[in-house]
């Protein structure tokens, strides 16, 4: 009985009995954001000027972020349709509109893979450029135009 009460006490408090004092950074500061949240914001910032220019053509397209690509025994030497590779590692995928397993229609979407993109960038500025380039490439593939057209060159 005494042992179980000691265990309950340990579960509720840290070993000095003070507990957590509070967040390390206030939620209003950028440092409090996780790497995933910062990457999501980076994607939104890269997508904003493209969406402003191509809003009418992109109404049926979603953009998503996954941590890592799901690799299911596929041969990396044979690239799948809509996948943007760097070597054998997918950086993003364009999933066309279709029908899911339950028979419901799905929208087209671009999936960016956060960890492979972060691993290829040396600093935040290079990551922002890489995310922008990948988005331009995938949106160009979705619209069936050259990437230069998306950039406005």
Protein backbone atom coordinates (compact mmCIF):
# COMPACT_ATOMS: atom_id res chain seq x y z
CA UNK A 1 0.00 0.00 0.00
CA UNK A 2 2.76 2.46 0.87
CA UNK A 3 4.55 1.64 -2.36
CA UNK A 4 1.53 2.43 -4.53
CA UNK A 5 1.05 5.84 -2.88
CA UNK A 6 4.71 6.69 -3.59
CA UNK A 7 4.26 5.73 -7.23
CA UNK A 8 1.18 7.92 -7.51
CA UNK A 9 3.10 10.83 -6.05
CA UNK A 10 5.92 10.36 -8.59
CA UNK A 11 3.51 10.30 -11.48
CA UNK A 12 2.07 13.66 -10.55
CA UNK A 13 5.32 15.53 -9.85
CA UNK A 14 8.90 15.62 -11.01
CA UNK A 15 11.61 14.42 -8.64
CA UNK A 16 12.01 17.80 -6.91
CA UNK A 17 8.28 18.23 -6.45
CA UNK A 18 7.95 21.46 -8.42
CA UNK A 19 6.42 20.29 -11.69
CA UNK A 20 6.73 22.23 -14.90
CA UNK A 21 7.18 25.93 -14.38
CA UNK A 22 5.73 27.02 -17.68
CA UNK A 23 6.51 27.12 -21.37
CA UNK A 24 10.09 27.85 -22.38
CA UNK A 25 8.95 30.50 -24.88
CA UNK A 26 5.65 32.40 -24.98
CA UNK A 27 3.33 31.19 -27.74
CA UNK A 28 3.54 34.59 -29.44
CA UNK A 29 7.24 34.15 -30.31
CA UNK A 30 8.37 32.30 -33.45
CA UNK A 31 10.78 30.18 -31.38
CA UNK A 32 7.81 28.39 -29.80
CA UNK A 33 6.80 26.90 -33.17
CA UNK A 34 7.81 23.34 -33.92
CA UNK A 35 9.82 22.45 -37.02
CA UNK A 36 6.67 21.05 -38.62
CA UNK A 37 4.74 24.28 -37.95
CA UNK A 38 7.59 26.37 -39.38
CA UNK A 39 7.67 24.17 -42.49
CA UNK A 40 3.89 24.48 -42.92
CA UNK A 41 4.23 28.27 -42.78
CA UNK A 42 7.06 28.11 -45.29
CA UNK A 43 4.84 26.15 -47.69
CA UNK A 44 2.01 28.67 -47.27
CA UNK A 45 4.41 31.56 -47.92
CA UNK A 46 5.73 29.86 -51.08
CA UNK A 47 2.23 29.04 -52.30
CA UNK A 48 0.74 32.51 -51.76
CA UNK A 49 2.17 34.31 -54.85
CA UNK A 50 1.49 31.30 -57.09
CA UNK A 51 -2.08 31.01 -55.85
CA UNK A 52 -2.59 34.75 -56.30
CA UNK A 53 -1.69 34.46 -59.97
CA UNK A 54 -3.37 31.09 -60.75
CA UNK A 55 -6.30 31.17 -58.31
CA UNK A 56 -8.95 30.21 -60.90
CA UNK A 57 -7.03 27.14 -62.11
CA UNK A 58 -6.09 25.95 -58.60
CA UNK A 59 -9.55 25.87 -57.01
CA UNK A 60 -9.68 22.06 -57.14
CA UNK A 61 -6.15 21.46 -55.87
CA UNK A 62 -5.11 20.84 -52.27
CA UNK A 63 -1.58 21.13 -50.90
CA UNK A 64 -0.56 18.86 -48.02
CA UNK A 65 2.60 18.13 -46.04
CA UNK A 66 3.74 14.71 -44.79
CA UNK A 67 6.84 14.07 -42.74
CA UNK A 68 8.22 11.26 -44.91
CA UNK A 69 7.08 9.46 -48.05
CA UNK A 70 5.43 6.08 -47.72
CA UNK A 71 7.51 3.58 -49.66
CA UNK A 72 5.71 0.33 -50.43
CA UNK A 73 8.09 -2.04 -52.14
CA UNK A 74 8.24 0.05 -55.29
CA UNK A 75 11.26 -0.04 -57.55
CA UNK A 76 13.08 3.31 -57.11
CA UNK A 77 14.59 2.94 -60.60
CA UNK A 78 11.08 3.24 -62.10
CA UNK A 79 9.67 6.67 -61.19
CA UNK A 80 5.96 6.75 -60.40
CA UNK A 81 3.72 9.29 -62.12
CA UNK A 82 3.50 12.63 -60.35
CA UNK A 83 6.46 12.00 -58.04
CA UNK A 84 9.33 14.48 -57.93
CA UNK A 85 12.52 12.60 -56.96
CA UNK A 86 15.98 13.56 -55.83
CA UNK A 87 17.83 10.34 -56.51
CA UNK A 88 15.76 7.53 -55.04
CA UNK A 89 14.02 9.72 -52.45
CA UNK A 90 10.65 11.32 -53.29
CA UNK A 91 10.43 15.02 -52.43
CA UNK A 92 6.78 15.47 -53.39
CA UNK A 93 3.88 13.74 -55.10
CA UNK A 94 1.04 14.98 -57.27
CA UNK A 95 -2.01 12.84 -56.57
CA UNK A 96 -4.64 13.25 -59.29
CA UNK A 97 -8.33 13.60 -58.53
CA UNK A 98 -10.14 10.31 -58.40
CA UNK A 99 -12.28 8.07 -56.24
CA UNK A 100 -11.30 6.69 -52.81
CA UNK A 101 -11.94 3.18 -51.43
CA UNK A 102 -15.43 4.07 -50.28
CA UNK A 103 -16.44 5.43 -53.69
CA UNK A 104 -16.29 9.10 -52.72
CA UNK A 105 -14.64 11.55 -55.15
CA UNK A 106 -11.29 13.01 -54.09
CA UNK A 107 -9.62 16.27 -55.05
CA UNK A 108 -6.21 16.51 -56.67
CA UNK A 109 -3.45 17.27 -54.17
CA UNK A 110 0.23 17.96 -53.98
CA UNK A 111 1.97 16.30 -51.05
CA UNK A 112 5.31 17.76 -49.96
CA UNK A 113 7.57 15.55 -47.85
CA UNK A 114 9.07 17.68 -45.07
CA UNK A 115 12.01 15.57 -43.88
CA UNK A 116 13.56 14.87 -47.32
CA UNK A 117 13.24 18.54 -48.26
CA UNK A 118 14.78 19.71 -44.97
CA UNK A 119 17.64 17.22 -45.37
CA UNK A 120 18.59 18.72 -48.75
CA UNK A 121 18.71 22.34 -47.58
CA UNK A 122 21.73 23.82 -45.85
CA UNK A 123 19.91 26.79 -44.34
CA UNK A 124 16.37 28.24 -44.07
CA UNK A 125 16.79 30.40 -47.20
CA UNK A 126 17.81 27.40 -49.29
CA UNK A 127 14.86 25.43 -47.88
CA UNK A 128 12.47 28.23 -48.87
CA UNK A 129 13.89 28.21 -52.42
CA UNK A 130 13.66 24.42 -52.62
CA UNK A 131 10.04 24.37 -51.42
CA UNK A 132 9.17 27.09 -53.94
CA UNK A 133 10.87 25.18 -56.78
CA UNK A 134 9.11 21.92 -55.87
CA UNK A 135 5.73 23.66 -55.68
CA UNK A 136 6.28 25.36 -59.04
CA UNK A 137 7.28 22.04 -60.64
CA UNK A 138 4.26 20.17 -59.25
CA UNK A 139 1.74 22.92 -60.05
CA UNK A 140 3.13 23.08 -63.59
CA UNK A 141 2.60 19.32 -63.86
CA UNK A 142 -0.95 19.68 -62.54
CA UNK A 143 -1.82 22.46 -65.01
CA UNK A 144 0.09 20.85 -67.90
CA UNK A 145 2.32 23.86 -68.54
CA UNK A 146 6.04 24.56 -68.29
CA UNK A 147 7.41 25.68 -64.90
CA UNK A 148 8.56 28.98 -66.47
CA UNK A 149 4.91 29.83 -67.17
CA UNK A 150 4.03 29.37 -63.50
CA UNK A 151 6.89 31.65 -62.46
CA UNK A 152 5.70 34.32 -64.90
CA UNK A 153 8.89 34.44 -66.93
